[in-house]
Amino acid sequence: MLARNLHPSKNLWRCSTGVASRRLLSCSRQLSSTTKAGRLHTPTLSARSVNSQLSHIAPSTVFISQKRFYADKVIKVPQMAESITEGTLKQWTKQVGEFVKQDDEVATIETDKIDVPVNAPVSGIIKEVFAQEEDTVAVGADLFRLELTDKAPEGAEKPKPAEEQPATSPAPAPEATPAPTKPTPAPASPAPSASPATPTPTPQPSSDASTVGSGLAANRGVRHVKMSRMRLRIAERLKESQNAAASLTTFNEIDMTNLMNLRKEYKDQVLKKHGVKLGFMSGFVKAATYALKEVPEVNACIEGDQIVYHDYADISVAVATPKGLVTPVLRNAEQLSFVGVEQAINDLSTRARDNKLTIEDMTGGTFTISNGGVFGSLYGTPIINLPQSAILGMHAIKERPVVVNGKIEIRPMMYIALTYDHRLIDGREAVTFLVKIKEAVEDPRRLLLDV
């Protein structure tokens, strides 16, 4: 029946004439006036009364179409971590008016630990944004509004070629008209300009000095760049570590001959079978887990007036990223093989450089390894990663003359450093720990025999 399809909240009628539109509107109002709590009470307003209103309209002038009414959804700033209550909106990946599919990345929020992507929970069109780039946004605040729809609007991408065509077509037009007219007077104008060109040869000898002076002036420029949240947090934690811990560093050196021979002999087979390169980090991680078992104080931390000992080894590996140093964690590294360690480190490093790390990837470490040798560092003292109590620093491998069995030989040597919190770890434990690492790296068979 026609009356059944005239409920204003369900369908939209379109008419080609104003008269038909007014008659349909009056009929719709009559239907609405008889509605209470969403139900029709008066059966007298039936199809007969509606058809009487429509009888004055020619059938050819009435076109009925149905439109689906889409609701809007306001997307809020997502929960990022327990300790994070706000962040900086760094980038809008999508703009107002663009269609996004479910799980498409819409924006990126920078926190003091990681960059958090904000994805669309449903498909729709972005109708409004409630924050601009570089604004501080709090967790739970309104971020943007979506008009829910499953299909992108047809004309969404049509304006782009339209803007490019007029931009290119009028540009050559004005240049083409003056071009033939002005080259003729041009030779007359350079003639007078040639006369002032004569005094210019006199300062030409000092032209080199002027270029040098201009270069020096350019090099004296000053730029002010706002520190990112991550850099601010790194600076805060490093200073906190220096202020809180009684830091002390002890050193040793390692003959890398045996570990390098092991890597050289098996790296191709490991790459072929497991698809990962065999590096030196796996040897040092396994040596560290071995030493942590022997000296459990290094794997402990201070909480208030208590010492917390860990029966597992979650090794934090320092990774340099464009935004700063991050320390993703290898969980239960003591249970991983050499190849398993390399696979885990490769995965974490890739995600760190692609800004895909999560908060869970960087929390809960019990001991940290930092490899400054990849940048050529020969010697250094790393800073403790609180609340941990120690950190191992690796350095570059350099050939040096050493005494082996009473003879001087050239060996690939590496300096290693252990910075530890003297409030918890005594010198004896620190030196013993570093010697254990030295012994395990210089003779990897110890790791297999557990001796």
Protein backbone atom coordinates (compact mmCIF):
# COMPACT_ATOMS: atom_id res chain seq x y z
CA MET A 1 0.00 0.00 0.00
CA LEU A 2 1.12 3.57 -0.65
CA ALA A 3 0.28 4.69 2.88
CA ARG A 4 2.60 2.08 4.31
CA ASN A 5 5.55 3.51 2.41
CA LEU A 6 4.94 7.11 3.38
CA HIS A 7 6.32 7.01 6.93
CA PRO A 8 8.80 9.92 7.02
CA SER A 9 11.44 8.08 9.06
CA LYS A 10 11.74 5.24 6.56
CA ASN A 11 11.70 6.66 3.04
CA LEU A 12 12.12 9.86 1.10
CA TRP A 13 9.73 10.85 -1.71
CA ARG A 14 10.86 12.94 -4.62
CA CYS A 15 8.39 14.70 -6.91
CA SER A 16 9.06 16.63 -10.11
CA THR A 17 6.62 19.49 -9.39
CA GLY A 18 6.13 21.81 -6.45
CA VAL A 19 2.42 20.97 -6.23
CA ALA A 20 3.12 17.28 -5.90
CA SER A 21 5.74 17.98 -3.30
CA ARG A 22 3.33 20.04 -1.18
CA ARG A 23 0.60 17.41 -1.39
CA LEU A 24 2.98 14.68 -0.34
CA LEU A 25 4.23 16.86 2.50
CA SER A 26 0.72 17.47 3.83
CA CYS A 27 -0.02 13.78 3.62
CA SER A 28 3.19 12.96 5.45
CA ARG A 29 2.31 15.45 8.22
CA GLN A 30 -1.07 13.81 8.67
CA LEU A 31 0.64 10.50 9.10
CA SER A 32 3.11 11.96 11.57
CA SER A 33 0.35 13.58 13.65
CA THR A 34 -1.30 10.22 14.15
CA THR A 35 1.90 8.60 15.31
CA LYS A 36 2.59 7.98 18.97
CA ALA A 37 5.60 6.03 20.27
CA GLY A 38 6.37 4.96 16.71
CA ARG A 39 2.95 3.34 16.02
CA LEU A 40 -0.07 4.47 13.98
CA HIS A 41 -3.24 4.79 16.10
CA THR A 42 -5.83 6.12 13.64
CA PRO A 43 -6.74 3.53 11.03
CA THR A 44 -8.97 6.10 9.25
CA LEU A 45 -5.90 7.62 7.60
CA SER A 46 -5.39 4.72 5.27
CA ALA A 47 -4.50 4.16 1.68
CA ARG A 48 -7.83 5.70 0.56
CA SER A 49 -7.02 9.13 2.04
CA VAL A 50 -3.48 9.03 0.79
CA ASN A 51 -4.55 8.02 -2.71
CA SER A 52 -7.07 10.84 -2.74
CA GLN A 53 -4.23 13.28 -2.14
CA LEU A 54 -2.19 11.69 -4.87
CA SER A 55 -5.06 11.45 -7.35
CA HIS A 56 -4.50 15.09 -8.38
CA ILE A 57 -0.92 14.34 -9.39
CA ALA A 58 -0.20 12.87 -12.75
CA PRO A 59 1.43 9.46 -12.44
CA SER A 60 4.22 10.54 -14.78
CA THR A 61 5.25 13.38 -12.46
CA VAL A 62 5.85 11.29 -9.36
CA PHE A 63 9.13 9.52 -8.91
CA ILE A 64 9.69 7.53 -5.77
CA SER A 65 13.17 6.61 -4.62
CA GLN A 66 14.51 5.25 -1.37
CA LYS A 67 17.62 6.59 0.35
CA ARG A 68 19.46 4.97 3.22
CA PHE A 69 20.13 7.36 6.10
CA TYR A 70 23.63 6.87 7.48
CA ALA A 71 24.50 7.65 11.07
CA ASP A 72 27.62 9.52 12.16
CA LYS A 73 30.18 8.07 14.54
CA VAL A 74 32.64 10.10 16.58
CA ILE A 75 36.01 8.37 16.95
CA LYS A 76 37.91 9.10 20.15
CA VAL A 77 41.60 9.06 20.99
CA PRO A 78 42.35 5.39 21.76
CA GLN A 79 43.79 4.00 24.96
CA MET A 80 47.55 3.71 24.44
CA ALA A 81 48.98 2.42 27.72
CA GLU A 82 48.35 2.65 31.43
CA SER A 83 51.02 5.28 31.94
CA ILE A 84 50.15 7.35 28.84
CA THR A 85 47.33 9.86 29.19
CA GLU A 86 48.03 12.15 26.23
CA GLY A 87 50.06 12.50 23.04
CA THR A 88 50.86 14.80 20.15
CA LEU A 89 48.90 14.47 16.93
CA LYS A 90 51.75 14.26 14.42
CA GLN A 91 49.98 13.56 11.15
CA TRP A 92 46.59 13.17 9.53
CA THR A 93 47.01 10.31 7.06
CA LYS A 94 43.51 10.93 5.71
CA GLN A 95 41.81 14.29 5.19
CA VAL A 96 38.25 15.57 5.59
CA GLY A 97 36.04 14.26 2.79
CA GLU A 98 38.11 11.15 2.14
CA PHE A 99 36.62 7.68 2.30
CA VAL A 100 38.33 5.21 4.65
CA LYS A 101 37.84 1.49 4.95
CA GLN A 102 37.71 -0.36 8.22
CA ASP A 103 41.18 -0.60 9.85
CA ASP A 104 42.66 2.05 7.54
CA GLU A 105 45.15 4.32 9.30
CA VAL A 106 43.68 7.79 9.73
CA ALA A 107 46.18 9.55 12.02
CA THR A 108 49.38 9.08 14.01
CA ILE A 109 49.77 10.12 17.65
CA GLU A 110 53.26 10.51 19.08
CA THR A 111 53.83 9.54 22.69
CA ASP A 112 56.93 9.54 24.85
CA LYS A 113 57.48 5.86 24.03
CA ILE A 114 56.06 4.98 20.61
CA ASP A 115 54.00 6.35 17.74
CA VAL A 116 50.43 5.08 17.99
CA PRO A 117 48.45 4.69 14.74
CA VAL A 118 44.74 5.53 14.90
CA ASN A 119 42.72 3.27 12.63
CA ALA A 120 39.13 3.62 11.48
CA PRO A 121 36.94 1.14 13.41
CA VAL A 122 34.37 1.15 10.59
CA SER A 123 34.17 2.27 6.97
CA GLY A 124 32.96 5.76 6.23
CA ILE A 125 33.70 9.29 5.09
CA ILE A 126 35.62 11.69 7.32
CA LYS A 127 33.28 14.63 7.88
CA GLU A 128 35.10 16.57 10.62
CA VAL A 129 38.32 16.55 12.64
CA PHE A 130 38.52 17.91 16.17
CA ALA A 131 42.31 18.43 16.39
CA GLN A 132 45.07 19.72 14.18
CA GLU A 133 48.60 18.46 13.67
CA GLU A 134 50.96 19.20 16.59
CA ASP A 135 47.99 19.55 18.96
CA THR A 136 48.07 17.72 22.28
CA VAL A 137 45.24 15.18 22.47
CA ALA A 138 44.10 13.38 25.62
CA VAL A 139 43.04 9.75 25.78
CA GLY A 140 39.26 9.51 25.31
CA ALA A 141 38.87 12.93 23.67
CA ASP A 142 36.95 13.32 20.38
CA LEU A 143 39.33 12.99 17.43
CA PHE A 144 37.25 12.88 14.23
CA ARG A 145 33.73 12.18 12.96
CA LEU A 146 32.81 9.54 10.40
CA GLU A 147 29.71 9.32 8.23
CA LEU A 148 29.11 5.60 8.13
CA THR A 149 28.98 4.13 4.65
CA ASP A 150 30.37 1.09 2.92
CA LYS A 151 31.02 2.72 -0.44
CA ALA A 152 33.18 5.65 -1.44
CA PRO A 153 31.37 8.58 -3.12
CA GLU A 154 31.69 8.43 -6.89
CA GLY A 155 32.94 11.99 -7.37
CA ALA A 156 35.46 11.90 -4.53
CA GLU A 157 38.55 11.86 -6.75
CA LYS A 158 37.24 13.86 -9.72
CA PRO A 159 38.30 17.35 -8.54
CA LYS A 160 42.00 16.44 -8.66
CA PRO A 161 42.37 16.18 -12.47
CA ALA A 162 40.11 19.21 -12.85
CA GLU A 163 42.49 21.30 -10.75
CA GLU A 164 45.57 20.13 -12.60
CA GLN A 165 44.25 20.94 -16.10
CA PRO A 166 43.53 24.64 -15.58
CA ALA A 167 46.79 25.01 -13.68
CA THR A 168 48.80 23.79 -16.65
CA SER A 169 46.79 25.33 -19.50
CA PRO A 170 46.75 29.01 -18.51
CA ALA A 171 50.41 28.98 -17.48
CA PRO A 172 51.89 28.67 -20.99
CA ALA A 173 49.31 31.06 -22.51
CA PRO A 174 50.58 34.28 -20.92
CA GLU A 175 54.18 33.27 -21.51
CA ALA A 176 53.60 32.61 -25.20
CA THR A 177 52.16 36.06 -25.95
CA PRO A 178 54.91 38.31 -24.54
CA ALA A 179 57.69 36.04 -25.70
CA PRO A 180 57.73 37.16 -29.38
CA THR A 181 57.29 40.88 -28.54
CA LYS A 182 59.95 41.38 -25.86
CA PRO A 183 63.00 39.74 -27.40
CA THR A 184 63.29 42.67 -29.87
CA PRO A 185 63.72 45.41 -27.22
CA ALA A 186 65.80 43.07 -25.14
CA PRO A 187 69.03 43.66 -27.09
CA ALA A 188 68.60 47.44 -26.61
CA SER A 189 68.35 47.12 -22.84
CA PRO A 190 71.47 44.99 -22.33
CA ALA A 191 73.54 47.65 -24.08
CA PRO A 192 73.20 50.14 -21.23
CA SER A 193 73.45 47.34 -18.76
CA ALA A 194 76.79 46.43 -20.28
CA SER A 195 78.22 49.78 -19.18
CA PRO A 196 77.65 49.15 -15.48
CA ALA A 197 79.08 45.73 -16.07
CA THR A 198 82.48 47.35 -16.60
CA PRO A 199 82.97 48.34 -12.96
CA THR A 200 82.13 44.82 -11.89
CA PRO A 201 85.49 43.42 -13.08
CA THR A 202 87.21 45.60 -10.47
CA PRO A 203 85.60 43.73 -7.53
CA GLN A 204 86.05 40.43 -9.36
CA PRO A 205 89.34 39.71 -7.60
CA SER A 206 87.45 39.95 -4.32
CA SER A 207 84.61 37.82 -5.66
CA ASP A 208 86.24 34.76 -4.12
CA ALA A 209 86.33 36.50 -0.78
CA SER A 210 82.70 37.53 -1.16
CA THR A 211 81.66 33.97 -1.89
CA VAL A 212 83.65 32.76 1.06
CA GLY A 213 82.11 35.44 3.24
CA SER A 214 78.62 34.56 2.07
CA GLY A 215 79.35 30.91 2.72
CA LEU A 216 80.49 31.70 6.25
CA ALA A 217 77.37 33.76 6.83
CA ALA A 218 75.19 30.90 5.61
CA ASN A 219 76.92 28.49 7.95
CA ARG A 220 76.11 30.70 10.94
CA GLY A 221 72.39 30.11 10.66
CA VAL A 222 70.46 28.96 13.73
CA ARG A 223 67.48 26.63 13.70
CA HIS A 224 65.14 25.88 16.58
CA VAL A 225 63.43 22.49 16.39
CA LYS A 226 60.93 21.36 18.98
CA MET A 227 61.96 18.19 20.77
CA SER A 228 59.72 15.21 20.19
CA ARG A 229 57.95 13.56 23.08
CA MET A 230 60.17 10.51 22.71
CA ARG A 231 63.36 12.59 22.83
CA LEU A 232 62.08 14.48 25.87
CA ARG A 233 61.30 11.20 27.62
CA ILE A 234 64.70 9.74 26.73
CA ALA A 235 66.43 12.81 28.16
CA GLU A 236 64.33 12.61 31.31
CA ARG A 237 65.03 8.91 31.89
CA LEU A 238 68.77 9.21 31.24
CA LYS A 239 69.08 12.03 33.74
CA GLU A 240 66.91 10.15 36.20
CA SER A 241 69.23 7.15 35.88
CA GLN A 242 72.30 9.26 36.60
CA ASN A 243 70.64 10.83 39.63
CA ALA A 244 69.13 7.66 41.12
CA ALA A 245 71.72 4.93 40.54
CA ALA A 246 75.19 4.71 42.03
CA SER A 247 76.66 3.96 38.61
CA LEU A 248 80.07 2.38 38.20
CA THR A 249 81.65 0.86 35.08
CA THR A 250 84.09 -2.03 34.76
CA PHE A 251 85.83 -3.11 31.54
CA ASN A 252 87.30 -6.15 29.88
CA GLU A 253 88.38 -7.26 26.42
CA ILE A 254 87.35 -10.26 24.34
CA ASP A 255 89.23 -12.20 21.69
CA MET A 256 86.58 -12.59 18.96
CA THR A 257 88.51 -15.20 16.92
CA ASN A 258 86.40 -18.26 17.79
CA LEU A 259 83.04 -16.53 17.49
CA MET A 260 84.05 -15.01 14.15
CA ASN A 261 85.16 -18.42 12.86
CA LEU A 262 81.87 -19.93 14.00
CA ARG A 263 79.94 -17.21 12.18
CA LYS A 264 82.06 -17.52 9.05
CA GLU A 265 81.60 -21.29 8.86
CA TYR A 266 77.85 -21.46 9.40
CA LYS A 267 76.40 -18.12 8.28
CA ASP A 268 75.53 -19.34 4.77
CA GLN A 269 73.82 -22.49 6.07
CA VAL A 270 71.85 -20.49 8.63
CA LEU A 271 70.76 -18.00 6.00
CA LYS A 272 69.71 -20.75 3.60
CA LYS A 273 67.76 -22.76 6.18
CA HIS A 274 66.34 -20.07 8.47
CA GLY A 275 66.36 -16.98 6.27
CA VAL A 276 68.27 -14.85 8.79
CA LYS A 277 71.87 -13.66 8.97
CA LEU A 278 74.03 -14.99 11.78
CA GLY A 279 75.55 -12.05 13.64
CA PHE A 280 77.43 -11.43 16.85
CA MET A 281 74.44 -10.30 18.91
CA SER A 282 73.18 -13.88 19.31
CA GLY A 283 76.51 -14.93 20.85
CA PHE A 284 76.48 -12.04 23.32
CA VAL A 285 72.80 -12.52 24.24
CA LYS A 286 73.38 -16.20 24.98
CA ALA A 287 76.56 -15.38 26.88
CA ALA A 288 74.63 -12.80 28.93
CA THR A 289 71.86 -15.26 29.83
CA TYR A 290 74.53 -17.76 30.85
CA ALA A 291 76.27 -15.16 33.06
CA LEU A 292 72.96 -13.95 34.57
CA LYS A 293 72.34 -17.46 35.88
CA GLU A 294 75.76 -17.50 37.50
CA VAL A 295 75.44 -13.99 38.98
CA PRO A 296 71.71 -13.42 39.71
CA GLU A 297 72.33 -10.02 41.38
CA VAL A 298 72.95 -8.50 37.95
CA ASN A 299 69.49 -9.71 36.88
CA ALA A 300 67.80 -8.13 39.92
CA CYS A 301 66.40 -4.67 40.64
CA ILE A 302 65.50 -2.47 43.60
CA GLU A 303 61.87 -1.76 44.47
CA GLY A 304 61.55 0.40 47.55
CA ASP A 305 63.34 -1.42 50.34
CA GLN A 306 63.27 -4.80 48.59
CA ILE A 307 65.45 -6.59 46.03
CA VAL A 308 63.51 -8.32 43.24
CA TYR A 309 65.29 -11.32 41.68
CA HIS A 310 64.18 -12.59 38.28
CA ASP A 311 64.37 -16.29 37.41
CA TYR A 312 64.12 -15.48 33.71
CA ALA A 313 66.13 -13.27 31.36
CA ASP A 314 64.23 -10.64 29.39
CA ILE A 315 67.02 -8.94 27.45
CA SER A 316 66.45 -5.38 26.27
CA VAL A 317 68.31 -4.68 23.02
CA ALA A 318 69.12 -1.04 22.26
CA VAL A 319 68.03 -0.10 18.73
CA ALA A 320 68.71 3.30 17.14
CA THR A 321 65.76 4.81 15.25
CA PRO A 322 65.35 8.19 13.53
CA LYS A 323 63.38 9.44 16.55
CA GLY A 324 65.73 8.15 19.22
CA LEU A 325 66.98 5.10 21.05
CA VAL A 326 64.45 2.39 21.90
CA THR A 327 64.95 -0.85 23.81
CA PRO A 328 62.61 -3.64 22.68
CA VAL A 329 62.70 -6.76 24.80
CA LEU A 330 63.60 -10.37 23.95
CA ARG A 331 61.29 -12.40 26.16
CA ASN A 332 62.78 -15.48 27.86
CA ALA A 333 66.04 -15.15 25.96
CA GLU A 334 67.50 -18.00 28.01
CA GLN A 335 65.20 -20.40 26.16
CA LEU A 336 66.11 -19.17 22.67
CA SER A 337 68.75 -20.68 20.41
CA PHE A 338 71.35 -18.68 18.51
CA VAL A 339 69.08 -18.64 15.46
CA GLY A 340 66.02 -17.83 17.56
CA VAL A 341 67.78 -14.80 19.04
CA GLU A 342 68.77 -13.54 15.58
CA GLN A 343 65.22 -13.96 14.29
CA ALA A 344 63.74 -12.12 17.27
CA ILE A 345 66.26 -9.26 17.03
CA ASN A 346 65.68 -8.93 13.28
CA ASP A 347 61.92 -8.73 13.81
CA LEU A 348 62.18 -6.16 16.60
CA SER A 349 64.68 -4.02 14.69
CA THR A 350 62.50 -3.97 11.58
CA ARG A 351 59.41 -2.98 13.53
CA ALA A 352 61.35 -0.35 15.46
CA ARG A 353 62.51 1.39 12.27
CA ASP A 354 58.99 1.17 10.80
CA ASN A 355 57.42 2.62 13.99
CA LYS A 356 55.44 -0.58 14.52
CA LEU A 357 56.57 -1.36 18.06
CA THR A 358 53.97 -1.55 20.79
CA ILE A 359 54.24 -0.62 24.46
CA GLU A 360 54.38 -4.30 25.36
CA ASP A 361 57.47 -4.75 23.16
CA MET A 362 59.49 -2.32 25.30
CA THR A 363 58.42 -2.98 28.87
CA GLY A 364 59.63 -5.51 31.40
CA GLY A 365 63.30 -6.01 30.52
CA THR A 366 65.66 -7.26 33.22
CA PHE A 367 69.03 -6.56 31.53
CA THR A 368 70.13 -4.43 28.56
CA ILE A 369 72.73 -4.90 25.81
CA SER A 370 73.86 -1.90 23.77
CA ASN A 371 76.02 -2.41 20.69
CA GLY A 372 77.78 0.85 19.90
CA GLY A 373 80.30 -1.05 17.81
CA VAL A 374 78.02 -0.94 14.77
CA PHE A 375 78.73 2.82 14.64
CA GLY A 376 82.46 2.39 15.20
CA SER A 377 82.61 3.08 18.94
CA LEU A 378 85.85 1.78 20.42
CA TYR A 379 85.26 2.56 24.07
CA GLY A 380 82.36 3.89 26.11
CA THR A 381 80.37 3.77 29.34
CA PRO A 382 76.67 2.99 28.82
CA ILE A 383 73.96 4.37 31.10
CA ILE A 384 71.74 2.02 33.13
CA ASN A 385 68.22 1.54 31.82
CA LEU A 386 66.13 1.94 34.99
CA PRO A 387 64.69 0.09 36.84
CA GLN A 388 67.32 -2.42 35.73
CA SER A 389 70.59 -2.64 37.62
CA ALA A 390 73.15 -3.16 34.85
CA ILE A 391 73.83 -2.72 31.14
CA LEU A 392 76.42 -4.35 28.86
CA GLY A 393 78.16 -2.21 26.25
CA MET A 394 79.65 -3.80 23.12
CA HIS A 395 82.16 -1.96 20.94
CA ALA A 396 83.93 -2.19 17.61
CA ILE A 397 86.17 -5.14 16.71
CA LYS A 398 89.73 -4.03 16.01
CA GLU A 399 92.85 -6.07 15.26
CA ARG A 400 95.43 -5.56 17.99
CA PRO A 401 98.64 -7.28 19.06
CA VAL A 402 98.01 -9.56 22.03
CA VAL A 403 100.07 -12.16 23.87
CA VAL A 404 98.88 -15.73 23.22
CA ASN A 405 100.82 -18.58 24.84
CA GLY A 406 103.85 -16.37 25.27
CA LYS A 407 103.79 -15.12 21.67
CA ILE A 408 102.59 -11.83 20.21
CA GLU A 409 99.78 -12.37 17.71
CA ILE A 410 97.35 -10.12 15.87
CA ARG A 411 93.84 -10.92 17.04
CA PRO A 412 90.39 -9.33 16.51
CA MET A 413 89.66 -7.77 19.89
CA MET A 414 86.61 -6.05 21.38
CA TYR A 415 86.36 -3.97 24.51
CA ILE A 416 83.24 -4.61 26.61
CA ALA A 417 81.90 -2.48 29.45
CA LEU A 418 79.47 -3.22 32.25
CA THR A 419 77.82 -0.28 33.99
CA TYR A 420 76.10 -1.42 37.18
CA ASP A 421 74.23 0.02 40.16
CA HIS A 422 76.63 -0.18 43.07
CA ARG A 423 73.71 0.04 45.52
CA LEU A 424 72.82 -3.55 44.60
CA ILE A 425 75.83 -5.04 42.81
CA ASP A 426 79.26 -5.18 44.40
CA GLY A 427 82.49 -5.05 42.47
CA ARG A 428 83.09 -8.76 42.87
CA GLU A 429 79.77 -9.68 41.26
CA ALA A 430 80.25 -7.15 38.45
CA VAL A 431 83.73 -8.37 37.54
CA THR A 432 82.69 -12.01 37.81
CA PHE A 433 79.75 -11.38 35.50
CA LEU A 434 81.94 -9.70 32.88
CA VAL A 435 84.52 -12.51 33.04
CA LYS A 436 81.74 -15.07 32.50
CA ILE A 437 80.67 -13.26 29.34
CA LYS A 438 84.28 -13.09 28.16
CA GLU A 439 84.76 -16.83 28.67
CA ALA A 440 81.50 -17.76 26.90
CA VAL A 441 82.16 -15.58 23.85
CA GLU A 442 85.79 -16.65 23.50
CA ASP A 443 84.76 -20.33 23.71
CA PRO A 444 81.11 -20.77 22.62
CA ARG A 445 81.30 -24.50 23.43
CA ARG A 446 80.83 -23.52 27.08
CA LEU A 447 77.25 -22.52 26.23
CA LEU A 448 76.52 -26.02 24.94
CA LEU A 449 78.16 -27.77 27.87
CA ASP A 450 76.91 -25.30 30.51
CA VAL A 451 80.33 -25.04 32.15
